[in-house]
Amino acid sequence: MKRYKVLVIGLDGATFDLIRPWAMAGHLPTLSRLMSQGASGELQSTIPPMTAPAWTSFITGKNPGQHGLYDWIYRHEDGYAVSPVTARHCTEPTLWSLLSSAGLRVCVFNVPMTYPPQPVNGLMISGLPAPSVRAGITYPPELLAEIEAQVGEYLLYPDPGQAYSDAGVDAFLRRLYRTAETRLKVLNYLRRREDWDFFMVVFNGTDTVQHAMWKFMSPAHPQHDPAKARKYGSAILHYYQYIDQTLGEIVAGLDRDTVLILMSDHGAGPFHKFIHVNNWLRQQGWLRLKRGPKARLKVVAFDLGFAPMKIYNLLMRFGLGSLKREVVRGRGQGLLKTLFLSFDDVDWSRTAAYSLGNVGQIYLNVRGREPQGIVEPGREYERLRDEIIARLQELKDPETGECVVQEVYRREEVYWGDKLEKAADIVFIPTRMEYFGFGEYEFGSNEIIEPVKRGISGTHRLNGILLLWGEPIRPGVVLGGSHLYDLAPTILYLMNVAVPTDMDGRILSECLKPEYSSLPRLRSEPTPSAESPVPSAALSPEDERLITDRLRGLGYVG
C-alpha cells in the first residue's frame, strides 16, 4: 500500500452546528470546498466531553478506561485533594511514539495533553496544560529559542478571562488573533524546516472564543446584551472566517501524497446554568459536613451566601472585578481558604458520595478505595448507586420545572479497561448540556441550580467535527458513528504502520476509495504501557499553580 503523509489540523471545540449553516451561506468557502471534495461527519467525543480525556483518547486510540484520564484533575490517593493532570498521567503509547518507532518523522505542535513534551523522532511543542513558555515546552529543548529567533515571541494561549469583563473584550480579541497568527507562522516555518511524514497542529481559538463570546451571538443566552451584541455578535463567525482563510493557504501548499484531516475534540454550545452537584448531594444527605464550632460557623456563612461565586458577583457589581484572582485562589490558599467552605470541612466518616471535576461525575466514598471510605463494595455499593441515579433523574430546575439530567451512566457502561477503577462511579449528561456542573469540584455557590451571571457563556458538546481530504478519500461521503479513538488507527493505516490490537478505535474504511479500503490491515501486538507516574513529582508547586490558574480562566477548575 502507498504510504501517505498525514497533516492533522485540530480546531479545538469546532462544531458543525456553526460550520454547516455558515458554509451554506458562503461565509466559509474553504471548509465548504473540503466538505464537498472530502469525507466529513460528526465525531463523537468522550463522556464527559472534556479536553484532557478527549485529546488523550485521540492520541492513544483508546477510551479513558485504558488511558486513565477522565477530567482535567485527579484525586490524590492519600486524600480528597486534587491536582491537574498532565501528559505524564497517560501511560499508554501515543500516536507519535508509534510513528517514531516505525522510523517516521513527526512534528507535533500545540496539541493538548502533550506537556511535558516527550522525545519523538522529530519535533514537539507542547500545548495545554503547559504553564509557561519557560517551563520546557519543546523537544528538543533548544527548539523554542530557534522558533523565537525566526518568528518572534511565541504566545502560548489567548486568555478568555479578559473577555469576562466589559473592559477586556477588545484586549482578548487582539490576543486571540495574535496567538493564531503566531501558530500559523510557526506552522509554516516548521513545515519548511522539516522533512516530515506526520504533522499536527491545534488552533485553540475556536474553543476559546466560544467559551468567552457565545453570549453575544445568542439572543436566548442569560447574559445576552443587545447593545454589546451589535459590536461583538459576529466575533465567533469572524474567527471561523479567519481560520477558513488560514486553511485555504495551508491546503494550497499540499501535494498529492498528503492526506488532510480536520478534527475537533468536542463540539460547542451555549451554557446557561450551573448544577452544583455537591450541594445537591448534601441536600440529599449523602455528603455530610463537620460539626465542630469552626465548621458550623463556615456552614452558616455559606448557607447565607458567603461563597466564591457570590462574592465575585458582588465585587463585579461594585467595579472590583480585579479582585477575582484573590477570590478564586482563596479557595485553595491564603486567608479566604479559612473562610470559604471546602472539602476540608466535609466529614468523610459520614459521607457516602461526593463530586469531583466537570460536567457531572459522582464518586461513592468506597471503603478500601477512598482513604476514609464508608460504602461497602458489593451489594451496598450497587444499592446506593441505583438510588443516586434514580434521584438524579428526578432533579428539576425550580425555575422552569424541567428535568436537568438527560442521561445517567454507570461507569462500566461508558468505559472499559484496566484503569476503570479511576473513573467516577456515576456520570451524568445534563439536559442539552446547557446545564453544567462545570468547573466546580467543591463549594463555589450555596445554590444547587443557578443561572450563569457572567464569565464563561459557551461550553462543550459531545459532537465534534471530522473531515478527511486527499487522494485516497472518497469525495462527498457523510461519515456516521465515528469516534475520537478511530482516528489513530486510521492515521496508522494511511501511513502503512501496523495498528496495535489493543486500540479501541477502528479504521474508517468507509471514507476510503475502494482500492485503499480493501487492502490488508496490518496489526501489531499491544505496545507495553509505561510505568505509572508519581503524581507528586509531576509538577513543581509553581507550575501547578500556573496551570490551575489557567484552567480556572478557561472555566475548567473551580
Protein backbone atom coordinates (compact mmCIF):
# COMPACT_ATOMS: atom_id res chain seq x y z
CA MET A 1 0.00 0.00 0.00
CA LYS A 2 1.16 3.52 -0.74
CA ARG A 3 2.34 5.37 2.35
CA TYR A 4 0.73 8.81 2.68
CA LYS A 5 1.92 11.73 4.69
CA VAL A 6 -0.77 12.99 7.07
CA LEU A 7 -1.43 16.56 8.17
CA VAL A 8 -3.88 16.83 11.08
CA ILE A 9 -5.32 20.25 11.94
CA GLY A 10 -7.20 20.35 15.19
CA LEU A 11 -9.83 23.06 15.60
CA ASP A 12 -10.48 22.76 19.31
CA GLY A 13 -14.20 22.77 20.09
CA ALA A 14 -15.25 23.34 16.46
CA THR A 15 -18.82 22.34 15.67
CA PHE A 16 -20.78 21.63 12.50
CA ASP A 17 -23.72 23.30 14.24
CA LEU A 18 -21.98 26.55 13.26
CA ILE A 19 -19.85 25.44 10.31
CA ARG A 20 -22.62 23.96 8.14
CA PRO A 21 -25.00 26.96 8.11
CA TRP A 22 -22.12 29.41 7.73
CA ALA A 23 -20.64 27.35 4.88
CA MET A 24 -24.02 27.20 3.13
CA ALA A 25 -24.30 30.98 3.46
CA GLY A 26 -20.94 31.38 1.72
CA HIS A 27 -19.01 32.54 4.79
CA LEU A 28 -16.57 29.59 4.90
CA PRO A 29 -15.54 28.80 1.31
CA THR A 30 -12.55 26.60 2.18
CA LEU A 31 -14.47 24.40 4.60
CA SER A 32 -17.35 24.22 2.12
CA ARG A 33 -14.98 23.00 -0.62
CA LEU A 34 -13.27 20.48 1.65
CA MET A 35 -16.61 19.02 2.75
CA SER A 36 -17.79 18.57 -0.84
CA GLN A 37 -14.47 17.15 -2.05
CA GLY A 38 -13.74 15.01 1.00
CA ALA A 39 -15.46 12.90 3.65
CA SER A 40 -16.98 14.55 6.70
CA GLY A 41 -19.22 13.89 9.67
CA GLU A 42 -19.66 14.43 13.37
CA LEU A 43 -17.03 12.96 15.66
CA GLN A 44 -18.18 11.53 18.98
CA SER A 45 -16.26 12.85 21.97
CA THR A 46 -15.64 11.20 25.30
CA ILE A 47 -18.16 11.20 28.14
CA PRO A 48 -17.84 13.77 29.56
CA PRO A 49 -16.55 15.81 26.58
CA MET A 50 -13.60 17.34 28.40
CA THR A 51 -10.31 18.39 26.87
CA ALA A 52 -7.92 16.11 28.79
CA PRO A 53 -9.71 12.76 28.25
CA ALA A 54 -10.86 13.68 24.74
CA TRP A 55 -7.43 14.58 23.34
CA THR A 56 -5.85 11.63 25.15
CA SER A 57 -8.37 9.29 23.52
CA PHE A 58 -7.38 10.72 20.14
CA ILE A 59 -3.67 10.45 20.96
CA THR A 60 -3.86 6.80 22.07
CA GLY A 61 -6.78 5.37 20.10
CA LYS A 62 -8.20 4.20 23.43
CA ASN A 63 -11.06 5.04 25.78
CA PRO A 64 -10.43 6.56 29.24
CA GLY A 65 -10.78 3.13 30.84
CA GLN A 66 -7.50 2.24 29.17
CA HIS A 67 -5.57 5.52 29.33
CA GLY A 68 -6.88 6.60 32.75
CA LEU A 69 -7.64 10.32 32.22
CA TYR A 70 -11.25 11.31 32.93
CA ASP A 71 -11.03 15.05 33.55
CA TRP A 72 -8.58 17.92 33.97
CA ILE A 73 -7.93 16.80 37.54
CA TYR A 74 -7.17 13.67 39.54
CA ARG A 75 -7.67 12.88 43.23
CA HIS A 76 -4.61 12.22 45.36
CA GLU A 77 -4.66 8.66 46.62
CA ASP A 78 -3.92 9.72 50.20
CA GLY A 79 -6.84 12.16 50.48
CA TYR A 80 -9.54 14.14 48.70
CA ALA A 81 -7.38 16.97 47.33
CA VAL A 82 -6.96 17.27 43.56
CA SER A 83 -4.26 18.37 41.11
CA PRO A 84 -4.20 18.95 37.34
CA VAL A 85 -3.34 16.05 35.06
CA THR A 86 -0.53 16.26 32.51
CA ALA A 87 0.79 14.01 29.75
CA ARG A 88 2.71 12.10 32.44
CA HIS A 89 -0.56 10.64 33.68
CA CYS A 90 -1.14 8.84 30.39
CA THR A 91 0.97 5.68 30.36
CA GLU A 92 -0.40 4.30 27.08
CA PRO A 93 1.62 4.57 23.84
CA THR A 94 0.83 7.68 21.80
CA LEU A 95 0.30 8.03 18.07
CA TRP A 96 3.61 9.88 17.70
CA SER A 97 5.55 7.33 19.72
CA LEU A 98 4.24 4.57 17.43
CA LEU A 99 5.11 6.56 14.31
CA SER A 100 8.54 7.40 15.73
CA SER A 101 9.18 3.72 16.46
CA ALA A 102 8.31 2.97 12.83
CA GLY A 103 11.05 5.38 11.74
CA LEU A 104 8.70 8.13 10.55
CA ARG A 105 9.39 11.81 11.14
CA VAL A 106 6.76 13.64 13.23
CA CYS A 107 6.03 17.26 14.11
CA VAL A 108 3.53 17.71 16.96
CA PHE A 109 2.60 21.32 17.62
CA ASN A 110 0.29 22.75 20.31
CA VAL A 111 -1.71 19.55 20.81
CA PRO A 112 -3.38 19.49 24.25
CA MET A 113 -2.07 16.86 26.66
CA THR A 114 1.46 16.92 25.26
CA TYR A 115 3.01 18.68 28.26
CA PRO A 116 5.64 17.83 29.33
CA PRO A 117 6.95 17.11 25.80
CA GLN A 118 8.16 13.59 25.07
CA PRO A 119 11.13 12.59 22.93
CA VAL A 120 9.99 11.81 19.38
CA ASN A 121 11.62 11.20 16.02
CA GLY A 122 11.11 14.83 15.12
CA LEU A 123 9.79 17.88 16.97
CA MET A 124 7.23 18.62 19.66
CA ILE A 125 5.87 21.92 21.02
CA SER A 126 3.56 21.31 23.97
CA GLY A 127 0.00 22.58 24.22
CA LEU A 128 -2.29 22.68 27.27
CA PRO A 129 -1.60 22.34 30.14
CA ALA A 130 1.86 23.85 29.60
CA PRO A 131 2.22 26.50 32.35
CA SER A 132 4.52 28.92 30.51
CA VAL A 133 6.94 29.13 27.59
CA ARG A 134 9.83 28.89 30.06
CA ALA A 135 8.64 25.60 31.54
CA GLY A 136 10.38 23.41 28.97
CA ILE A 137 7.68 23.10 26.31
CA THR A 138 9.71 21.82 23.36
CA TYR A 139 11.56 18.74 22.19
CA PRO A 140 14.38 19.15 21.59
CA PRO A 141 14.74 21.79 24.34
CA GLU A 142 16.60 24.25 22.11
CA LEU A 143 13.72 24.39 19.62
CA LEU A 144 11.94 27.24 21.44
CA ALA A 145 14.91 29.60 21.08
CA GLU A 146 15.12 28.76 17.40
CA ILE A 147 11.42 29.49 16.88
CA GLU A 148 11.58 32.79 18.73
CA ALA A 149 14.59 33.80 16.63
CA GLN A 150 12.67 33.01 13.45
CA VAL A 151 9.10 34.21 14.19
CA GLY A 152 9.35 36.41 17.30
CA GLU A 153 7.57 35.98 20.64
CA TYR A 154 5.82 32.65 21.00
CA LEU A 155 2.37 33.03 22.57
CA LEU A 156 1.01 30.01 24.42
CA TYR A 157 -2.67 30.92 24.76
CA PRO A 158 -5.25 33.65 24.49
CA ASP A 159 -6.84 34.43 27.85
CA PRO A 160 -10.66 34.15 27.83
CA GLY A 161 -10.72 35.65 31.31
CA GLN A 162 -10.02 39.03 29.69
CA ALA A 163 -13.40 38.85 27.94
CA TYR A 164 -15.32 38.24 31.18
CA SER A 165 -15.25 41.96 31.96
CA ASP A 166 -16.55 44.60 29.55
CA ALA A 167 -13.22 46.42 29.50
CA GLY A 168 -11.28 43.32 28.48
CA VAL A 169 -13.18 42.09 25.41
CA ASP A 170 -11.17 44.05 22.86
CA ALA A 171 -7.88 43.04 24.50
CA PHE A 172 -8.99 39.41 24.44
CA LEU A 173 -9.80 39.57 20.72
CA ARG A 174 -6.46 41.19 19.92
CA ARG A 175 -4.58 38.44 21.77
CA LEU A 176 -6.81 35.75 20.21
CA TYR A 177 -5.73 36.75 16.72
CA ARG A 178 -2.10 37.38 17.69
CA THR A 179 -1.94 33.84 19.09
CA ALA A 180 -3.45 32.37 15.91
CA GLU A 181 -1.03 34.38 13.75
CA THR A 182 1.85 33.01 15.82
CA ARG A 183 0.56 29.46 15.29
CA LEU A 184 0.47 30.00 11.53
CA LYS A 185 3.98 31.47 11.41
CA VAL A 186 5.41 28.57 13.39
CA LEU A 187 3.45 26.06 11.30
CA ASN A 188 4.85 27.49 8.06
CA TYR A 189 8.37 27.62 9.46
CA LEU A 190 8.34 24.01 10.70
CA ARG A 191 6.76 22.69 7.50
CA ARG A 192 9.62 24.20 5.53
CA ARG A 193 12.27 23.17 8.05
CA GLU A 194 11.29 19.52 8.43
CA ASP A 195 11.06 16.60 6.02
CA TRP A 196 8.05 15.31 7.92
CA ASP A 197 5.78 12.28 7.48
CA PHE A 198 3.20 13.29 10.09
CA PHE A 199 2.40 16.86 11.15
CA MET A 200 -0.23 18.00 13.62
CA VAL A 201 -1.17 21.46 14.84
CA VAL A 202 -4.11 22.57 17.01
CA PHE A 203 -5.74 26.00 16.88
CA ASN A 204 -7.31 26.54 20.33
CA GLY A 205 -9.00 29.80 19.44
CA THR A 206 -12.19 28.18 18.14
CA ASP A 207 -12.78 26.79 21.63
CA THR A 208 -11.64 29.88 23.50
CA VAL A 209 -13.74 32.36 21.52
CA GLN A 210 -16.84 30.18 22.02
CA HIS A 211 -16.25 29.98 25.78
CA ALA A 212 -15.95 33.75 26.00
CA MET A 213 -18.26 35.14 23.32
CA TRP A 214 -21.28 32.86 22.85
CA LYS A 215 -23.47 35.22 24.89
CA PHE A 216 -23.03 37.95 22.29
CA MET A 217 -24.13 35.66 19.45
CA SER A 218 -27.21 34.12 21.10
CA PRO A 219 -30.23 36.30 21.99
CA ALA A 220 -31.52 33.44 24.17
CA HIS A 221 -28.46 33.48 26.41
CA PRO A 222 -28.99 34.70 30.00
CA GLN A 223 -26.01 37.08 29.64
CA HIS A 224 -27.07 38.46 26.27
CA ASP A 225 -26.90 42.24 25.97
CA PRO A 226 -28.35 43.60 22.69
CA ALA A 227 -26.13 46.68 22.75
CA LYS A 228 -22.94 44.65 23.18
CA ALA A 229 -24.21 42.10 20.66
CA ARG A 230 -24.23 44.78 17.98
CA LYS A 231 -20.48 45.13 18.45
CA TYR A 232 -19.45 41.56 19.29
CA GLY A 233 -22.27 39.36 17.97
CA SER A 234 -20.22 38.22 14.95
CA ALA A 235 -16.98 37.62 16.86
CA ILE A 236 -17.22 33.82 16.66
CA LEU A 237 -18.12 33.91 12.94
CA HIS A 238 -15.22 36.26 12.21
CA TYR A 239 -12.77 33.93 13.93
CA TYR A 240 -14.08 30.93 11.97
CA GLN A 241 -13.65 33.01 8.81
CA TYR A 242 -10.05 33.75 9.79
CA ILE A 243 -9.44 30.02 10.31
CA ASP A 244 -11.14 29.27 6.99
CA GLN A 245 -8.81 31.67 5.19
CA THR A 246 -5.84 30.12 7.02
CA LEU A 247 -6.96 26.63 5.93
CA GLY A 248 -7.15 27.85 2.35
CA GLU A 249 -3.49 28.93 2.49
CA ILE A 250 -2.44 25.60 4.02
CA VAL A 251 -4.40 23.44 1.57
CA ALA A 252 -2.94 25.31 -1.39
CA GLY A 253 0.50 24.05 -0.41
CA LEU A 254 -0.36 20.34 -0.04
CA ASP A 255 0.77 17.73 -2.54
CA ARG A 256 -0.98 14.56 -3.74
CA ASP A 257 0.95 12.44 -1.25
CA THR A 258 -0.62 14.18 1.76
CA VAL A 259 -3.95 13.45 3.43
CA LEU A 260 -5.50 16.33 5.38
CA ILE A 261 -7.57 15.57 8.48
CA LEU A 262 -9.55 18.32 10.22
CA MET A 263 -10.98 17.39 13.61
CA SER A 264 -12.11 18.71 16.95
CA ASP A 265 -12.03 17.07 20.35
CA HIS A 266 -15.66 18.03 21.10
CA GLY A 267 -18.35 20.40 19.91
CA ALA A 268 -19.74 23.55 21.48
CA GLY A 269 -22.94 25.27 22.50
CA PRO A 270 -24.36 27.78 24.98
CA PHE A 271 -24.00 27.41 28.73
CA HIS A 272 -26.96 28.71 30.76
CA LYS A 273 -26.93 27.31 34.30
CA PHE A 274 -24.67 25.66 36.86
CA ILE A 275 -25.56 22.46 38.65
CA HIS A 276 -23.63 22.45 41.93
CA VAL A 277 -23.54 18.71 42.43
CA ASN A 278 -22.00 18.65 45.90
CA ASN A 279 -24.76 20.94 47.20
CA TRP A 280 -27.33 18.51 45.80
CA LEU A 281 -25.55 15.55 47.42
CA ARG A 282 -25.54 17.44 50.70
CA GLN A 283 -29.26 18.22 50.37
CA GLN A 284 -29.96 14.53 49.79
CA GLY A 285 -27.94 13.54 52.86
CA TRP A 286 -25.12 11.72 51.07
CA LEU A 287 -22.49 14.39 51.78
CA ARG A 288 -22.07 15.50 55.41
CA LEU A 289 -20.18 18.42 56.90
CA LYS A 290 -18.19 18.55 60.11
CA ARG A 291 -19.95 19.57 63.32
CA GLY A 292 -17.22 21.46 65.19
CA PRO A 293 -17.62 25.18 66.05
CA LYS A 294 -15.40 26.44 63.23
CA ALA A 295 -17.07 24.27 60.59
CA ARG A 296 -20.55 25.20 61.84
CA LEU A 297 -19.70 28.89 61.51
CA LYS A 298 -18.49 28.38 57.95
CA VAL A 299 -21.62 26.38 57.09
CA VAL A 300 -23.89 29.14 58.41
CA ALA A 301 -21.98 31.74 56.39
CA PHE A 302 -22.09 29.52 53.30
CA ASP A 303 -25.83 28.96 53.58
CA LEU A 304 -26.28 32.74 53.81
CA GLY A 305 -24.35 33.19 50.56
CA PHE A 306 -20.71 33.60 51.61
CA ALA A 307 -19.29 31.59 48.71
CA PRO A 308 -16.75 32.37 45.94
CA MET A 309 -19.23 32.91 43.12
CA LYS A 310 -21.47 35.11 45.24
CA ILE A 311 -18.55 37.20 46.48
CA TYR A 312 -17.16 37.62 42.98
CA ASN A 313 -20.56 38.72 41.61
CA LEU A 314 -20.78 41.25 44.44
CA LEU A 315 -17.30 42.58 43.65
CA MET A 316 -18.21 42.93 39.98
CA ARG A 317 -21.33 44.89 40.90
CA PHE A 318 -19.16 47.41 42.72
CA GLY A 319 -16.50 47.54 39.98
CA LEU A 320 -13.94 45.46 41.88
CA GLY A 321 -13.66 42.58 39.41
CA SER A 322 -9.86 42.84 39.53
CA LEU A 323 -10.05 41.04 42.89
CA LYS A 324 -11.39 37.88 41.24
CA ARG A 325 -7.94 36.30 41.36
CA GLU A 326 -7.86 36.58 45.14
CA VAL A 327 -11.33 35.09 45.41
CA VAL A 328 -10.71 32.02 43.27
CA ARG A 329 -7.21 31.44 44.60
CA GLY A 330 -8.58 31.83 48.11
CA ARG A 331 -10.45 28.61 47.63
CA GLY A 332 -7.15 26.79 47.85
CA GLN A 333 -4.79 29.05 49.80
CA GLY A 334 -4.48 32.20 51.87
CA LEU A 335 -6.87 33.91 54.26
CA LEU A 336 -10.02 33.21 52.26
CA LYS A 337 -9.35 29.47 52.43
CA THR A 338 -10.08 29.68 56.14
CA LEU A 339 -13.40 31.43 55.41
CA PHE A 340 -14.82 29.59 52.36
CA LEU A 341 -16.42 26.18 52.76
CA SER A 342 -14.28 23.43 51.20
CA PHE A 343 -13.62 19.70 51.21
CA ASP A 344 -11.58 20.31 54.38
CA ASP A 345 -14.95 20.83 56.08
CA VAL A 346 -16.50 17.57 54.84
CA ASP A 347 -16.98 14.84 57.43
CA TRP A 348 -15.75 11.94 55.33
CA SER A 349 -16.57 9.44 58.07
CA ARG A 350 -20.27 10.16 57.41
CA THR A 351 -20.12 10.98 53.65
CA ALA A 352 -21.32 8.38 51.17
CA ALA A 353 -20.87 10.31 47.88
CA TYR A 354 -19.13 13.39 46.52
CA SER A 355 -18.49 15.08 43.18
CA LEU A 356 -15.17 15.98 41.59
CA GLY A 357 -14.45 17.53 38.22
CA ASN A 358 -16.65 18.83 35.46
CA VAL A 359 -19.99 18.07 33.84
CA GLY A 360 -21.43 15.54 36.28
CA GLN A 361 -19.16 12.98 37.88
CA ILE A 362 -20.14 11.41 41.20
CA TYR A 363 -17.89 9.17 43.27
CA LEU A 364 -19.04 6.90 46.04
CA ASN A 365 -16.86 7.06 49.15
CA VAL A 366 -15.88 3.40 48.95
CA ARG A 367 -14.20 1.57 51.81
CA GLY A 368 -10.75 0.38 50.78
CA ARG A 369 -10.59 2.73 47.78
CA GLU A 370 -11.03 6.19 49.28
CA PRO A 371 -8.86 6.95 52.35
CA GLN A 372 -11.92 7.41 54.59
CA GLY A 373 -14.42 5.36 52.61
CA ILE A 374 -17.60 4.14 54.29
CA VAL A 375 -19.57 2.46 51.46
CA GLU A 376 -19.02 -1.29 51.40
CA PRO A 377 -18.19 -2.72 47.97
CA GLY A 378 -20.75 -5.11 46.53
CA ARG A 379 -24.41 -5.01 47.45
CA GLU A 380 -24.30 -1.75 49.45
CA TYR A 381 -22.36 -0.02 46.66
CA GLU A 382 -24.85 -1.08 43.99
CA ARG A 383 -27.87 -0.19 46.12
CA LEU A 384 -26.55 3.32 46.80
CA ARG A 385 -25.54 3.86 43.18
CA ASP A 386 -29.02 2.85 41.98
CA GLU A 387 -30.61 5.23 44.49
CA ILE A 388 -28.46 8.19 43.44
CA ILE A 389 -29.19 7.52 39.77
CA ALA A 390 -32.94 7.36 40.43
CA ARG A 391 -32.94 10.67 42.29
CA LEU A 392 -30.74 12.34 39.67
CA GLN A 393 -33.34 11.51 37.06
CA GLU A 394 -35.88 13.44 39.15
CA LEU A 395 -33.74 16.58 39.65
CA LYS A 396 -35.61 19.59 38.25
CA ASP A 397 -34.87 23.22 37.58
CA PRO A 398 -37.00 25.12 40.14
CA GLU A 399 -37.41 28.00 37.69
CA THR A 400 -38.68 26.02 34.68
CA GLY A 401 -39.73 22.67 36.15
CA GLU A 402 -37.76 20.71 33.53
CA CYS A 403 -35.55 17.76 34.40
CA VAL A 404 -31.93 18.88 34.22
CA VAL A 405 -30.36 15.44 33.74
CA GLN A 406 -30.60 13.96 30.25
CA GLU A 407 -28.58 10.74 30.58
CA VAL A 408 -27.08 8.90 33.54
CA TYR A 409 -24.43 6.18 33.21
CA ARG A 410 -22.78 3.69 35.49
CA ARG A 411 -19.08 3.92 34.78
CA GLU A 412 -18.83 0.44 33.26
CA GLU A 413 -21.47 1.44 30.70
CA VAL A 414 -19.17 4.02 29.08
CA TYR A 415 -15.63 2.91 29.97
CA TRP A 416 -13.69 -0.35 29.84
CA GLY A 417 -10.10 -1.28 30.60
CA ASP A 418 -7.63 -1.80 33.41
CA LYS A 419 -7.98 1.81 34.63
CA LEU A 420 -11.74 1.66 35.08
CA GLU A 421 -11.23 1.90 38.84
CA LYS A 422 -10.14 5.54 38.44
CA ALA A 423 -13.45 6.56 36.85
CA ALA A 424 -16.35 8.24 38.62
CA ASP A 425 -18.94 5.69 39.72
CA ILE A 426 -21.73 7.70 38.09
CA VAL A 427 -21.51 10.06 35.12
CA PHE A 428 -24.47 12.17 34.01
CA ILE A 429 -25.05 14.38 30.98
CA PRO A 430 -27.16 17.47 31.73
CA THR A 431 -30.15 18.39 29.57
CA ARG A 432 -28.95 19.77 26.21
CA MET A 433 -25.69 20.38 28.11
CA GLU A 434 -26.95 23.90 28.69
CA TYR A 435 -26.85 22.99 32.37
CA PHE A 436 -23.37 22.20 33.56
CA GLY A 437 -21.74 21.04 36.77
CA PHE A 438 -18.88 22.98 35.25
CA GLY A 439 -15.51 23.86 36.77
CA GLU A 440 -16.89 23.07 40.20
CA TYR A 441 -15.33 20.49 42.46
CA GLU A 442 -16.07 21.83 45.93
CA PHE A 443 -18.49 24.58 47.01
CA GLY A 444 -18.49 27.52 44.60
CA SER A 445 -22.02 28.61 45.46
CA ASN A 446 -24.67 27.82 48.04
CA GLU A 447 -27.32 27.07 45.40
CA ILE A 448 -27.99 23.81 43.56
CA ILE A 449 -29.10 25.19 40.18
CA GLU A 450 -28.00 28.71 39.39
CA PRO A 451 -28.05 30.87 36.24
CA VAL A 452 -24.66 31.92 34.94
CA LYS A 453 -24.37 35.65 35.54
CA ARG A 454 -21.00 36.49 34.00
CA GLY A 455 -17.86 34.92 32.66
CA ILE A 456 -17.96 31.80 30.53
CA SER A 457 -21.02 31.61 28.27
CA GLY A 458 -20.33 28.72 25.88
CA THR A 459 -19.14 25.23 26.62
CA HIS A 460 -18.66 21.73 25.28
CA ARG A 461 -20.91 19.29 23.45
CA LEU A 462 -20.48 15.63 22.55
CA ASN A 463 -20.44 16.17 18.78
CA GLY A 464 -17.10 17.33 17.36
CA ILE A 465 -16.13 17.55 13.70
CA LEU A 466 -14.19 15.25 11.34
CA LEU A 467 -13.17 15.98 7.75
CA LEU A 468 -10.74 13.96 5.59
CA TRP A 469 -9.45 15.20 2.23
CA GLY A 470 -6.86 13.88 -0.20
CA GLU A 471 -6.15 11.36 -2.95
CA PRO A 472 -7.36 8.17 -1.16
CA ILE A 473 -10.51 9.80 0.29
CA ARG A 474 -13.93 9.26 -1.32
CA PRO A 475 -15.45 12.68 -2.10
CA GLY A 476 -18.84 13.61 -0.66
CA VAL A 477 -19.01 10.80 1.91
CA VAL A 478 -21.00 11.62 5.03
CA LEU A 479 -19.49 9.77 7.99
CA GLY A 480 -21.63 8.47 10.81
CA GLY A 481 -20.70 6.84 14.09
CA SER A 482 -17.08 8.00 14.13
CA HIS A 483 -15.33 8.31 17.49
CA LEU A 484 -12.22 10.16 18.59
CA TYR A 485 -10.34 6.93 19.11
CA ASP A 486 -10.98 5.88 15.48
CA LEU A 487 -8.51 8.47 14.21
CA ALA A 488 -5.27 6.93 15.50
CA PRO A 489 -5.81 3.56 13.76
CA THR A 490 -7.00 5.34 10.59
CA ILE A 491 -3.86 7.51 10.53
CA LEU A 492 -1.60 4.50 11.12
CA TYR A 493 -3.35 2.68 8.26
CA LEU A 494 -2.89 5.61 5.87
CA MET A 495 0.78 5.70 6.81
CA ASN A 496 1.20 1.94 6.35
CA VAL A 497 2.05 1.37 10.02
CA ALA A 498 0.71 -1.60 11.98
CA VAL A 499 -2.26 -0.85 14.26
CA PRO A 500 -1.87 -2.25 17.81
CA THR A 501 -4.53 -4.84 18.59
CA ASP A 502 -5.49 -3.18 21.89
CA MET A 503 -6.63 0.10 20.30
CA ASP A 504 -10.37 0.64 20.80
CA GLY A 505 -10.75 2.54 17.54
CA ARG A 506 -11.39 1.18 14.08
CA ILE A 507 -10.07 2.13 10.65
CA LEU A 508 -12.60 4.43 8.96
CA SER A 509 -12.59 2.40 5.75
CA GLU A 510 -15.94 3.81 4.58
CA CYS A 511 -14.25 7.12 3.77
CA LEU A 512 -11.56 5.46 1.60
CA LYS A 513 -11.74 4.74 -2.11
CA PRO A 514 -12.21 1.01 -2.86
CA GLU A 515 -8.61 0.46 -3.93
CA TYR A 516 -7.47 1.61 -0.48
CA SER A 517 -10.25 0.35 1.79
CA SER A 518 -9.90 -3.28 0.66
CA LEU A 519 -6.17 -3.60 1.43
CA PRO A 520 -4.99 -5.88 4.27
CA ARG A 521 -4.89 -4.35 7.75
CA LEU A 522 -1.50 -4.54 9.41
CA ARG A 523 -1.93 -5.42 13.10
CA SER A 524 0.71 -5.48 15.81
CA GLU A 525 0.82 -6.75 19.35
CA PRO A 526 0.00 -4.17 22.05
CA THR A 527 2.88 -1.92 22.98
CA PRO A 528 3.70 -2.19 26.70
CA SER A 529 2.46 0.67 28.85
CA ALA A 530 4.93 2.86 30.67
CA GLU A 531 5.19 2.64 34.43
CA SER A 532 2.67 4.74 36.32
CA PRO A 533 3.99 8.22 37.16
CA VAL A 534 4.49 9.55 40.64
CA PRO A 535 1.88 12.35 40.76
CA SER A 536 3.65 14.34 43.46
CA ALA A 537 6.73 14.57 41.23
CA ALA A 538 4.83 15.55 38.10
CA LEU A 539 4.74 19.32 38.65
CA SER A 540 6.51 21.89 40.74
CA PRO A 541 4.23 23.85 43.11
CA GLU A 542 4.66 26.97 40.97
CA ASP A 543 3.85 25.13 37.73
CA GLU A 544 0.80 23.54 39.35
CA ARG A 545 -0.38 26.99 40.44
CA LEU A 546 0.08 28.40 36.93
CA ILE A 547 -1.77 25.51 35.34
CA THR A 548 -4.62 25.69 37.85
CA ASP A 549 -4.98 29.45 37.32
CA ARG A 550 -5.09 28.95 33.54
CA LEU A 551 -7.70 26.18 33.80
CA ARG A 552 -9.77 28.41 36.06
CA GLY A 553 -9.61 31.11 33.41
CA LEU A 554 -11.00 28.62 30.91
CA GLY A 555 -13.69 27.53 33.36
CA TYR A 556 -12.36 24.01 33.90
CA VAL A 557 -11.35 24.08 37.57
CA GLY A 558 -13.39 25.51 40.38
